[in-house]
Amino acid sequence: MPEQVFKMRATPDLTAASVKTVRCPACGGASIYAPSNPHRPFCGEGCKLHDLGAWASEAFKLPEQQPEVDPAFERS
């Protein structure tokens, strides 16, 4: 399926040498990285919205780190 998305978004006047493709961060498929792709670096709107939803639900949050404990401070 990612190849089909790539073919639909490519414009006829761009050659394969002048089009930079990157890996879509959401699905791993090919994505055109050019102004002709309004969803870049994603391959399409679906992948862009999926990523936005993951950020909104805090799926990408960093794990909470436990603060370092100083035993001498704790005793005082």
Protein backbone atom coordinates (compact mmCIF):
# COMPACT_ATOMS: atom_id res chain seq x y z
CA MET A 1 0.00 0.00 0.00
CA PRO A 2 2.76 2.59 0.69
CA GLU A 3 3.88 2.32 -2.95
CA GLN A 4 0.37 3.18 -4.11
CA VAL A 5 0.36 6.29 -1.92
CA PHE A 6 3.76 7.27 -3.33
CA LYS A 7 2.54 6.92 -6.92
CA MET A 8 -0.62 8.96 -6.26
CA ARG A 9 1.31 11.86 -4.73
CA ALA A 10 4.07 12.07 -7.34
CA THR A 11 3.53 14.79 -9.91
CA PRO A 12 4.28 13.96 -13.55
CA ASP A 13 6.78 16.80 -14.02
CA LEU A 14 9.11 15.51 -11.25
CA THR A 15 11.61 12.83 -12.13
CA ALA A 16 12.66 10.10 -9.72
CA ALA A 17 16.10 11.73 -9.37
CA SER A 18 14.66 15.08 -8.27
CA VAL A 19 12.15 13.67 -5.76
CA LYS A 20 13.45 12.97 -2.27
CA THR A 21 11.66 10.14 -0.54
CA VAL A 22 11.81 9.44 3.16
CA ARG A 23 10.34 6.76 5.39
CA CYS A 24 6.94 7.71 6.79
CA PRO A 25 7.33 7.89 10.59
CA ALA A 26 3.90 6.33 11.12
CA CYS A 27 3.69 3.40 8.69
CA GLY A 28 7.24 3.07 7.39
CA GLY A 29 6.20 3.45 3.76
CA ALA A 30 7.69 5.76 1.17
CA SER A 31 6.80 9.43 1.47
CA ILE A 32 7.67 12.29 -0.85
CA TYR A 33 9.55 14.98 1.06
CA ALA A 34 8.71 17.99 -1.07
CA PRO A 35 6.29 20.94 -1.05
CA SER A 36 3.99 18.87 -3.27
CA ASN A 37 3.23 16.65 -0.24
CA PRO A 38 1.29 18.78 2.27
CA HIS A 39 1.54 15.97 4.86
CA ARG A 40 5.34 15.62 4.85
CA PRO A 41 7.11 13.82 6.40
CA PHE A 42 4.07 11.55 6.50
CA CYS A 43 2.81 9.73 3.42
CA GLY A 44 -0.76 10.94 3.81
CA GLU A 45 -3.38 12.53 6.00
CA GLY A 46 -4.22 9.26 7.75
CA CYS A 47 -0.67 8.77 9.00
CA LYS A 48 -0.41 12.44 9.99
CA LEU A 49 -3.64 12.25 12.03
CA HIS A 50 -2.62 8.94 13.60
CA ASP A 51 0.62 10.55 14.82
CA LEU A 52 -1.23 13.63 16.09
CA GLY A 53 -3.60 11.37 18.05
CA ALA A 54 -0.66 9.55 19.62
CA TRP A 55 0.84 12.85 20.76
CA ALA A 56 -2.52 14.09 22.06
CA SER A 57 -3.02 10.92 24.11
CA GLU A 58 0.56 11.19 25.43
CA ALA A 59 1.63 7.88 23.88
CA PHE A 60 5.03 9.43 23.14
CA LYS A 61 5.74 10.65 26.67
CA LEU A 62 9.12 9.98 28.23
CA PRO A 63 9.20 7.59 31.16
CA GLU A 64 9.21 9.29 34.54
CA GLN A 65 12.59 9.17 36.20
CA GLN A 66 12.91 8.65 39.92
CA PRO A 67 14.78 11.52 41.58
CA GLU A 68 18.16 10.70 43.02
CA VAL A 69 17.93 10.24 46.76
CA ASP A 70 20.71 11.41 49.04
CA PRO A 71 20.66 9.21 52.18
CA ALA A 72 22.44 11.91 54.23
CA PHE A 73 19.76 14.42 53.31
CA GLU A 74 16.96 11.99 54.16
CA ARG A 75 18.27 11.51 57.71
CA SER A 76 18.38 15.20 58.50
